[in-house]
């Protein structure tokens, strides 16, 4: 009985083994067939992502090429920048050294000026404090007067506020009433400018043409005038010097004529009245 059971199990196991070996053989045959046609193992005849992978690979190739191309440019720019900084570094270091030398040289003068300023403030500080104290004393003494003036001003504005508001109201009413007239005047002026614009532009063009035509003549007149002032300048200066010398020499006589001696005036009055 047990032999029959073992035989059935053995037969069943052999069948399973045959199925496994057959499945392995099938897979091996398919693989060999695909390899014979030049296909890779990861490809599938019904792969929906095959074209996507191809496009992605192309984009990666383009990006790699772009990075390789730009890398050379960036490396060249970096080399140029490094060369520039290396070249300018000497100039900057020289400028820094010169500035440090200047501050080192002028430092003593700056310190002396600072010491003098501090001494001046120390010396004049007492006078400034006294002046501030006097001002505070004056404000404290006259504070009541200032407050009274402010109160009077506020009372005046409060009293005459109605009058001021009435004046403002009248002015606003006048502008409101005559607004149409003002707008009409503005419109008339604009229309006049618009109508006579061609005439004004023609006059401007004629004036510009006249200045352009007679420019050489005006410049010649200016040059002649300048030459005349230059030539006559010495004479005018000499004349001014002579006049000043004359006033200086005869100043005493002029002052005597303008402001006579009171004693002479008294003698004249006595002689006229025969006293």
C-alpha atoms as a PDB file:
ATOM      1  CA  UNK A   1       0.000   0.000   0.000  1.00  0.00           C
ATOM      2  CA  UNK A   2       2.776   2.394   0.946  1.00  0.00           C
ATOM      3  CA  UNK A   3       4.675   1.488  -2.235  1.00  0.00           C
ATOM      4  CA  UNK A   4       1.711   2.645  -4.328  1.00  0.00           C
ATOM      5  CA  UNK A   5       1.620   5.948  -2.474  1.00  0.00           C
ATOM      6  CA  UNK A   6       5.350   6.479  -2.988  1.00  0.00           C
ATOM      7  CA  UNK A   7       5.052   5.642  -6.654  1.00  0.00           C
ATOM      8  CA  UNK A   8       2.215   8.166  -7.131  1.00  0.00           C
ATOM      9  CA  UNK A   9       4.174  10.892  -5.311  1.00  0.00           C
ATOM     10  CA  UNK A  10       7.269  10.106  -7.326  1.00  0.00           C
ATOM     11  CA  UNK A  11       5.302  10.308 -10.539  1.00  0.00           C
ATOM     12  CA  UNK A  12       3.780  13.618  -9.460  1.00  0.00           C
ATOM     13  CA  UNK A  13       7.195  15.059  -8.583  1.00  0.00           C
ATOM     14  CA  UNK A  14       8.583  13.986 -11.905  1.00  0.00           C
ATOM     15  CA  UNK A  15       5.724  15.732 -13.670  1.00  0.00           C
ATOM     16  CA  UNK A  16       6.398  18.962 -11.712  1.00  0.00           C
ATOM     17  CA  UNK A  17      10.108  18.682 -12.494  1.00  0.00           C
ATOM     18  CA  UNK A  18       9.332  18.216 -16.173  1.00  0.00           C
ATOM     19  CA  UNK A  19       7.089  21.294 -16.156  1.00  0.00           C
ATOM     20  CA  UNK A  20       9.789  23.415 -14.471  1.00  0.00           C
ATOM     21  CA  UNK A  21      12.447  22.230 -16.893  1.00  0.00           C
ATOM     22  CA  UNK A  22      10.120  22.889 -19.817  1.00  0.00           C
ATOM     23  CA  UNK A  23       9.424  26.443 -18.559  1.00  0.00           C
ATOM     24  CA  UNK A  24      13.145  27.124 -18.187  1.00  0.00           C
ATOM     25  CA  UNK A  25      13.790  25.770 -21.664  1.00  0.00           C
ATOM     26  CA  UNK A  26      11.076  28.041 -23.075  1.00  0.00           C
ATOM     27  CA  UNK A  27      12.578  31.096 -21.427  1.00  0.00           C
ATOM     28  CA  UNK A  28      16.040  30.133 -22.666  1.00  0.00           C
ATOM     29  CA  UNK A  29      14.761  29.697 -26.199  1.00  0.00           C
ATOM     30  CA  UNK A  30      13.008  33.077 -26.220  1.00  0.00           C
ATOM     31  CA  UNK A  31      16.165  34.758 -24.879  1.00  0.00           C
ATOM     32  CA  UNK A  32      18.317  33.149 -27.534  1.00  0.00           C
ATOM     33  CA  UNK A  33      15.883  34.215 -30.225  1.00  0.00           C
ATOM     34  CA  UNK A  34      15.915  37.826 -29.075  1.00  0.00           C
ATOM     35  CA  UNK A  35      19.668  37.869 -28.840  1.00  0.00           C
ATOM     36  CA  UNK A  36      19.885  36.459 -32.332  1.00  0.00           C
ATOM     37  CA  UNK A  37      17.816  39.419 -33.634  1.00  0.00           C
ATOM     38  CA  UNK A  38      20.050  41.966 -31.783  1.00  0.00           C
ATOM     39  CA  UNK A  39      17.515  43.018 -29.116  1.00  0.00           C
ATOM     40  CA  UNK A  40      18.548  43.824 -25.541  1.00  0.00           C
ATOM     41  CA  UNK A  41      17.084  41.955 -22.638  1.00  0.00           C
ATOM     42  CA  UNK A  42      15.386  45.033 -21.145  1.00  0.00           C
ATOM     43  CA  UNK A  43      13.405  45.730 -24.308  1.00  0.00           C
ATOM     44  CA  UNK A  44       9.927  44.453 -24.769  1.00  0.00           C
ATOM     45  CA  UNK A  45       8.021  44.367 -28.043  1.00  0.00           C
ATOM     46  CA  UNK A  46       5.089  46.074 -26.328  1.00  0.00           C
ATOM     47  CA  UNK A  47       7.101  48.541 -24.134  1.00  0.00           C
ATOM     48  CA  UNK A  48       5.087  51.833 -23.922  1.00  0.00           C
ATOM     49  CA  UNK A  49       8.048  53.810 -22.486  1.00  0.00           C
ATOM     50  CA  UNK A  50      10.602  52.957 -25.170  1.00  0.00           C
ATOM     51  CA  UNK A  51      10.187  56.236 -27.124  1.00  0.00           C
ATOM     52  CA  UNK A  52      10.231  58.248 -23.910  1.00  0.00           C
ATOM     53  CA  UNK A  53      13.538  56.733 -22.919  1.00  0.00           C
ATOM     54  CA  UNK A  54      14.957  57.485 -26.362  1.00  0.00           C
ATOM     55  CA  UNK A  55      13.842  61.167 -26.163  1.00  0.00           C
ATOM     56  CA  UNK A  56      15.215  61.452 -22.640  1.00  0.00           C
ATOM     57  CA  UNK A  57      18.554  60.074 -23.775  1.00  0.00           C
ATOM     58  CA  UNK A  58      18.676  62.582 -26.629  1.00  0.00           C
ATOM     59  CA  UNK A  59      17.945  65.449 -24.251  1.00  0.00           C
ATOM     60  CA  UNK A  60      20.640  64.228 -21.895  1.00  0.00           C
ATOM     61  CA  UNK A  61      23.104  64.090 -24.803  1.00  0.00           C
ATOM     62  CA  UNK A  62      22.215  67.672 -25.811  1.00  0.00           C
ATOM     63  CA  UNK A  63      22.570  68.896 -22.210  1.00  0.00           C
ATOM     64  CA  UNK A  64      25.926  67.166 -21.898  1.00  0.00           C
ATOM     65  CA  UNK A  65      27.108  68.777 -25.128  1.00  0.00           C
ATOM     66  CA  UNK A  66      25.887  72.201 -23.970  1.00  0.00           C
ATOM     67  CA  UNK A  67      27.645  71.868 -20.618  1.00  0.00           C
ATOM     68  CA  UNK A  68      30.834  70.802 -22.361  1.00  0.00           C
ATOM     69  CA  UNK A  69      30.610  73.789 -24.737  1.00  0.00           C
ATOM     70  CA  UNK A  70      29.763  76.318 -22.018  1.00  0.00           C
ATOM     71  CA  UNK A  71      32.350  74.878 -19.673  1.00  0.00           C
ATOM     72  CA  UNK A  72      35.154  76.016 -21.926  1.00  0.00           C
ATOM     73  CA  UNK A  73      33.664  79.529 -22.093  1.00  0.00           C
ATOM     74  CA  UNK A  74      33.239  79.669 -18.317  1.00  0.00           C
ATOM     75  CA  UNK A  75      36.770  78.442 -17.758  1.00  0.00           C
ATOM     76  CA  UNK A  76      38.078  81.126 -20.135  1.00  0.00           C
ATOM     77  CA  UNK A  77      36.065  83.814 -18.369  1.00  0.00           C
ATOM     78  CA  UNK A  78      37.320  82.618 -15.003  1.00  0.00           C
ATOM     79  CA  UNK A  79      40.880  82.715 -16.273  1.00  0.00           C
ATOM     80  CA  UNK A  80      40.383  86.276 -17.618  1.00  0.00           C
ATOM     81  CA  UNK A  81      38.823  87.410 -14.338  1.00  0.00           C
ATOM     82  CA  UNK A  82      41.633  85.878 -12.342  1.00  0.00           C
ATOM     83  CA  UNK A  83      44.167  87.605 -14.596  1.00  0.00           C
ATOM     84  CA  UNK A  84      42.345  90.920 -14.199  1.00  0.00           C
ATOM     85  CA  UNK A  85      42.243  90.627 -10.400  1.00  0.00           C
ATOM     86  CA  UNK A  86      45.899  89.649 -10.400  1.00  0.00           C
ATOM     87  CA  UNK A  87      46.808  92.654 -12.564  1.00  0.00           C
ATOM     88  CA  UNK A  88      44.661  95.142 -10.644  1.00  0.00           C
ATOM     89  CA  UNK A  89      45.704  93.716  -7.291  1.00  0.00           C
ATOM     90  CA  UNK A  90      49.063  95.428  -7.454  1.00  0.00           C
ATOM     91  CA  UNK A  91      47.434  98.793  -8.196  1.00  0.00           C
ATOM     92  CA  UNK A  92      44.945  98.386  -5.325  1.00  0.00           C
ATOM     93  CA  UNK A  93      47.663  97.366  -2.915  1.00  0.00           C
ATOM     94  CA  UNK A  94      49.738 100.378  -3.992  1.00  0.00           C
ATOM     95  CA  UNK A  95      46.772 102.708  -3.489  1.00  0.00           C
ATOM     96  CA  UNK A  96      46.117 101.219  -0.061  1.00  0.00           C
ATOM     97  CA  UNK A  97      49.768 101.675   0.861  1.00  0.00           C
ATOM     98  CA  UNK A  98      49.707 105.302  -0.335  1.00  0.00           C
ATOM     99  CA  UNK A  99      46.495 105.988   1.612  1.00  0.00           C
ATOM    100  CA  UNK A 100      47.951 104.428   4.749  1.00  0.00           C
ATOM    101  CA  UNK A 101      51.097 106.523   4.316  1.00  0.00           C
ATOM    102  CA  UNK A 102      49.003 109.664   3.854  1.00  0.00           C
ATOM    103  CA  UNK A 103      46.947 108.975   6.991  1.00  0.00           C
ATOM    104  CA  UNK A 104      50.120 108.182   8.885  1.00  0.00           C
ATOM    105  CA  UNK A 105      51.708 111.450   7.736  1.00  0.00           C
ATOM    106  CA  UNK A 106      48.627 113.639   8.303  1.00  0.00           C
ATOM    107  CA  UNK A 107      47.572 111.867  11.493  1.00  0.00           C
ATOM    108  CA  UNK A 108      49.643 114.128  13.703  1.00  0.00           C
ATOM    109  CA  UNK A 109      48.043 117.232  12.176  1.00  0.00           C
ATOM    110  CA  UNK A 110      44.520 115.770  12.615  1.00  0.00           C
ATOM    111  CA  UNK A 111      45.231 114.879  16.224  1.00  0.00           C
ATOM    112  CA  UNK A 112      46.553 118.392  16.858  1.00  0.00           C
ATOM    113  CA  UNK A 113      43.429 119.923  15.302  1.00  0.00           C
ATOM    114  CA  UNK A 114      41.222 117.679  17.435  1.00  0.00           C
ATOM    115  CA  UNK A 115      43.157 118.665  20.553  1.00  0.00           C
ATOM    116  CA  UNK A 116      42.837 122.362  19.659  1.00  0.00           C
ATOM    117  CA  UNK A 117      39.085 121.985  19.065  1.00  0.00           C
ATOM    118  CA  UNK A 118      38.645 120.191  22.374  1.00  0.00           C
ATOM    119  CA  UNK A 119      40.616 122.922  24.130  1.00  0.00           C
ATOM    120  CA  UNK A 120      38.491 125.600  22.468  1.00  0.00           C
ATOM    121  CA  UNK A 121      35.234 123.917  23.557  1.00  0.00           C
ATOM    122  CA  UNK A 122      36.659 123.475  27.054  1.00  0.00           C
ATOM    123  CA  UNK A 123      37.648 127.147  27.231  1.00  0.00           C
ATOM    124  CA  UNK A 124      34.438 128.556  25.715  1.00  0.00           C
ATOM    125  CA  UNK A 125      32.161 126.063  27.479  1.00  0.00           C
ATOM    126  CA  UNK A 126      31.681 128.290  30.489  1.00  0.00           C
ATOM    127  CA  UNK A 127      30.638 131.213  28.289  1.00  0.00           C
ATOM    128  CA  UNK A 128      28.161 129.019  26.367  1.00  0.00           C
ATOM    129  CA  UNK A 129      26.674 127.670  29.589  1.00  0.00           C
ATOM    130  CA  UNK A 130      26.336 131.201  30.989  1.00  0.00           C
ATOM    131  CA  UNK A 131      24.633 132.349  27.794  1.00  0.00           C
ATOM    132  CA  UNK A 132      22.218 129.397  27.939  1.00  0.00           C
ATOM    133  CA  UNK A 133      21.471 130.161  31.569  1.00  0.00           C
ATOM    134  CA  UNK A 134      20.770 133.823  30.717  1.00  0.00           C
ATOM    135  CA  UNK A 135      18.436 132.791  27.889  1.00  0.00           C
ATOM    136  CA  UNK A 136      16.585 130.392  30.191  1.00  0.00           C
ATOM    137  CA  UNK A 137      16.300 133.145  32.804  1.00  0.00           C
ATOM    138  CA  UNK A 138      14.920 135.521  30.185  1.00  0.00           C
ATOM    139  CA  UNK A 139      12.299 132.975  29.041  1.00  0.00           C
ATOM    140  CA  UNK A 140      11.380 132.263  32.663  1.00  0.00           C
ATOM    141  CA  UNK A 141      11.059 135.992  33.439  1.00  0.00           C
ATOM    142  CA  UNK A 142       9.073 136.922  30.335  1.00  0.00           C
ATOM    143  CA  UNK A 143       7.122 133.671  30.073  1.00  0.00           C
ATOM    144  CA  UNK A 144       3.915 135.265  31.384  1.00  0.00           C
ATOM    145  CA  UNK A 145       4.221 138.013  28.753  1.00  0.00           C
ATOM    146  CA  UNK A 146       4.703 135.506  25.929  1.00  0.00           C
ATOM    147  CA  UNK A 147       1.753 133.435  27.133  1.00  0.00           C
ATOM    148  CA  UNK A 148      -0.404 136.571  27.303  1.00  0.00           C
ATOM    149  CA  UNK A 149       0.528 137.485  23.730  1.00  0.00           C
ATOM    150  CA  UNK A 150      -0.363 133.968  22.549  1.00  0.00           C
ATOM    151  CA  UNK A 151      -3.679 134.147  24.417  1.00  0.00           C
ATOM    152  CA  UNK A 152      -4.446 137.554  22.859  1.00  0.00           C
ATOM    153  CA  UNK A 153      -3.678 136.211  19.380  1.00  0.00           C
ATOM    154  CA  UNK A 154      -5.909 133.184  19.961  1.00  0.00           C
ATOM    155  CA  UNK A 155      -8.692 135.458  21.244  1.00  0.00           C
ATOM    156  CA  UNK A 156      -8.336 137.678  18.172  1.00  0.00           C
ATOM    157  CA  UNK A 157      -8.609 134.689  15.807  1.00  0.00           C
ATOM    158  CA  UNK A 158     -11.552 133.384  17.817  1.00  0.00           C
ATOM    159  CA  UNK A 159     -13.318 136.772  17.711  1.00  0.00           C
ATOM    160  CA  UNK A 160     -12.718 137.420  14.018  1.00  0.00           C
ATOM    161  CA  UNK A 161     -13.137 133.801  12.922  1.00  0.00           C
ATOM    162  CA  UNK A 162     -16.670 134.414  11.653  1.00  0.00           C
ATOM    163  CA  UNK A 163     -15.429 137.355   9.583  1.00  0.00           C
ATOM    164  CA  UNK A 164     -12.598 135.291   8.063  1.00  0.00           C
ATOM    165  CA  UNK A 165     -14.969 132.434   7.282  1.00  0.00           C
ATOM    166  CA  UNK A 166     -17.413 134.882   5.660  1.00  0.00           C
ATOM    167  CA  UNK A 167     -14.621 136.291   3.504  1.00  0.00           C
ATOM    168  CA  UNK A 168     -13.600 132.787   2.417  1.00  0.00           C
ATOM    169  CA  UNK A 169     -17.223 131.951   1.647  1.00  0.00           C
ATOM    170  CA  UNK A 170     -17.613 135.136  -0.412  1.00  0.00           C
ATOM    171  CA  UNK A 171     -14.436 134.356  -2.369  1.00  0.00           C
ATOM    172  CA  UNK A 172     -15.614 130.798  -3.056  1.00  0.00           C
ATOM    173  CA  UNK A 173     -19.004 132.112  -4.172  1.00  0.00           C
ATOM    174  CA  UNK A 174     -17.305 134.645  -6.466  1.00  0.00           C
ATOM    175  CA  UNK A 175     -15.181 131.918  -8.067  1.00  0.00           C
ATOM    176  CA  UNK A 176     -18.266 129.716  -8.396  1.00  0.00           C
ATOM    177  CA  UNK A 177     -20.311 132.528  -9.971  1.00  0.00           C
ATOM    178  CA  UNK A 178     -17.607 133.693 -12.386  1.00  0.00           C
ATOM    179  CA  UNK A 179     -16.260 130.204 -13.148  1.00  0.00           C
ATOM    180  CA  UNK A 180     -18.083 130.075 -16.473  1.00  0.00           C
ATOM    181  CA  UNK A 181     -16.612 133.454 -17.432  1.00  0.00           C
ATOM    182  CA  UNK A 182     -13.083 132.326 -16.531  1.00  0.00           C
ATOM    183  CA  UNK A 183     -13.516 129.084 -18.450  1.00  0.00           C
ATOM    184  CA  UNK A 184     -14.783 131.016 -21.476  1.00  0.00           C
ATOM    185  CA  UNK A 185     -11.767 133.333 -21.330  1.00  0.00           C
ATOM    186  CA  UNK A 186      -9.433 130.326 -21.173  1.00  0.00           C
ATOM    187  CA  UNK A 187     -11.222 128.724 -24.114  1.00  0.00           C
ATOM    188  CA  UNK A 188     -10.974 131.975 -26.106  1.00  0.00           C
ATOM    189  CA  UNK A 189      -7.268 132.249 -25.350  1.00  0.00           C
ATOM    190  CA  UNK A 190      -6.696 128.632 -26.384  1.00  0.00           C
ATOM    191  CA  UNK A 191      -8.651 129.204 -29.586  1.00  0.00           C
ATOM    192  CA  UNK A 192      -6.608 132.336 -30.304  1.00  0.00           C
ATOM    193  CA  UNK A 193      -3.355 130.452 -29.811  1.00  0.00           C
ATOM    194  CA  UNK A 194      -4.671 127.629 -31.968  1.00  0.00           C
ATOM    195  CA  UNK A 195      -5.775 130.034 -34.733  1.00  0.00           C
ATOM    196  CA  UNK A 196      -2.632 132.165 -34.725  1.00  0.00           C
ATOM    197  CA  UNK A 197      -0.223 129.279 -34.062  1.00  0.00           C
ATOM    198  CA  UNK A 198       0.940 129.178 -37.683  1.00  0.00           C
ATOM    199  CA  UNK A 199       1.595 132.921 -37.587  1.00  0.00           C
ATOM    200  CA  UNK A 200       3.601 132.633 -34.364  1.00  0.00           C
ATOM    201  CA  UNK A 201       5.607 129.721 -35.728  1.00  0.00           C
ATOM    202  CA  UNK A 202       6.309 131.703 -38.923  1.00  0.00           C
ATOM    203  CA  UNK A 203       7.490 134.688 -36.877  1.00  0.00           C
ATOM    204  CA  UNK A 204       9.776 132.419 -34.838  1.00  0.00           C
ATOM    205  CA  UNK A 205      11.145 130.881 -38.037  1.00  0.00           C
ATOM    206  CA  UNK A 206      11.741 134.360 -39.516  1.00  0.00           C
ATOM    207  CA  UNK A 207      13.512 135.506 -36.346  1.00  0.00           C
ATOM    208  CA  UNK A 208      15.689 132.399 -36.334  1.00  0.00           C
ATOM    209  CA  UNK A 209      16.515 132.931 -40.003  1.00  0.00           C
ATOM    210  CA  UNK A 210      17.351 136.591 -39.310  1.00  0.00           C
ATOM    211  CA  UNK A 211      19.679 135.626 -36.446  1.00  0.00           C
ATOM    212  CA  UNK A 212      21.231 132.954 -38.616  1.00  0.00           C
ATOM    213  CA  UNK A 213      21.733 135.396 -41.512  1.00  0.00           C
ATOM    214  CA  UNK A 214      23.026 138.310 -39.429  1.00  0.00           C
ATOM    215  CA  UNK A 215      24.955 136.179 -36.925  1.00  0.00           C
ATOM    216  CA  UNK A 216      28.327 137.070 -38.443  1.00  0.00           C
ATOM    217  CA  UNK A 217      27.403 140.772 -38.281  1.00  0.00           C
ATOM    218  CA  UNK A 218      26.343 140.528 -34.616  1.00  0.00           C
ATOM    219  CA  UNK A 219      29.506 138.652 -33.729  1.00  0.00           C
ATOM    220  CA  UNK A 220      31.596 141.312 -35.502  1.00  0.00           C
ATOM    221  CA  UNK A 221      29.796 144.075 -33.583  1.00  0.00           C
ATOM    222  CA  UNK A 222      30.402 142.238 -30.306  1.00  0.00           C
ATOM    223  CA  UNK A 223      34.085 141.815 -31.181  1.00  0.00           C
ATOM    224  CA  UNK A 224      34.373 145.533 -32.069  1.00  0.00           C
ATOM    225  CA  UNK A 225      32.656 146.535 -28.811  1.00  0.00           C
ATOM    226  CA  UNK A 226      34.972 144.298 -26.804  1.00  0.00           C
ATOM    227  CA  UNK A 227      37.976 145.766 -28.590  1.00  0.00           C
ATOM    228  CA  UNK A 228      36.694 149.277 -27.918  1.00  0.00           C
ATOM    229  CA  UNK A 229      36.217 148.537 -24.181  1.00  0.00           C
ATOM    230  CA  UNK A 230      39.653 146.983 -24.072  1.00  0.00           C
ATOM    231  CA  UNK A 231      41.229 150.008 -25.798  1.00  0.00           C
ATOM    232  CA  UNK A 232      39.346 152.634 -23.762  1.00  0.00           C
ATOM    233  CA  UNK A 233      39.727 150.726 -20.477  1.00  0.00           C
ATOM    234  CA  UNK A 234      43.124 152.188 -19.673  1.00  0.00           C
ATOM    235  CA  UNK A 235      41.841 155.715 -20.343  1.00  0.00           C
ATOM    236  CA  UNK A 236      38.774 155.198 -18.111  1.00  0.00           C
ATOM    237  CA  UNK A 237      40.903 153.733 -15.338  1.00  0.00           C
ATOM    238  CA  UNK A 238      43.345 156.660 -15.592  1.00  0.00           C
ATOM    239  CA  UNK A 239      40.458 159.136 -15.486  1.00  0.00           C
ATOM    240  CA  UNK A 240      38.993 157.386 -12.413  1.00  0.00           C
ATOM    241  CA  UNK A 241      42.384 157.462 -10.699  1.00  0.00           C
ATOM    242  CA  UNK A 242      42.739 161.200 -11.470  1.00  0.00           C
ATOM    243  CA  UNK A 243      39.237 161.887 -10.130  1.00  0.00           C
ATOM    244  CA  UNK A 244      39.953 159.949  -6.957  1.00  0.00           C
ATOM    245  CA  UNK A 245      43.226 161.818  -6.520  1.00  0.00           C
ATOM    246  CA  UNK A 246      41.422 165.128  -7.057  1.00  0.00           C
ATOM    247  CA  UNK A 247      38.747 164.261  -4.451  1.00  0.00           C
ATOM    248  CA  UNK A 248      41.439 163.157  -2.049  1.00  0.00           C
ATOM    249  CA  UNK A 249      43.454 166.376  -2.561  1.00  0.00           C
ATOM    250  CA  UNK A 250      40.459 168.750  -2.317  1.00  0.00           C
ATOM    251  CA  UNK A 251      38.497 166.778   0.267  1.00  0.00           C
ATOM    252  CA  UNK A 252      39.049 169.353   2.993  1.00  0.00           C
ATOM    253  CA  UNK A 253      37.711 172.158   0.744  1.00  0.00           C
ATOM    254  CA  UNK A 254      34.611 170.146  -0.194  1.00  0.00           C
ATOM    255  CA  UNK A 255      33.866 169.300   3.428  1.00  0.00           C
ATOM    256  CA  UNK A 256      34.217 172.971   4.349  1.00  0.00           C
ATOM    257  CA  UNK A 257      31.748 173.944   1.615  1.00  0.00           C
ATOM    258  CA  UNK A 258      29.228 171.260   2.539  1.00  0.00           C
ATOM    259  CA  UNK A 259      29.444 171.686   6.319  1.00  0.00           C
ATOM    260  CA  UNK A 260      30.521 175.306   7.118  1.00  0.00           C
ATOM    261  CA  UNK A 261      31.908 176.272  10.524  1.00  0.00           C
ATOM    262  CA  UNK A 262      29.128 177.260  12.992  1.00  0.00           C
ATOM    263  CA  UNK A 263      31.270 180.138  14.198  1.00  0.00           C
ATOM    264  CA  UNK A 264      31.310 181.633  10.681  1.00  0.00           C
ATOM    265  CA  UNK A 265      27.523 181.351  10.530  1.00  0.00           C
ATOM    266  CA  UNK A 266      27.198 183.259  13.805  1.00  0.00           C
ATOM    267  CA  UNK A 267      29.506 186.035  12.601  1.00  0.00           C
ATOM    268  CA  UNK A 268      27.489 186.403   9.388  1.00  0.00           C
ATOM    269  CA  UNK A 269      24.244 186.725  11.356  1.00  0.00           C
ATOM    270  CA  UNK A 270      25.698 189.400  13.614  1.00  0.00           C
ATOM    271  CA  UNK A 271      27.028 191.377  10.668  1.00  0.00           C
ATOM    272  CA  UNK A 272      23.665 191.250   8.839  1.00  0.00           C
ATOM    273  CA  UNK A 273      21.842 192.577  11.886  1.00  0.00           C
ATOM    274  CA  UNK A 274      24.599 195.109  12.644  1.00  0.00           C
ATOM    275  CA  UNK A 275      24.919 194.032  16.224  1.00  0.00           C
END
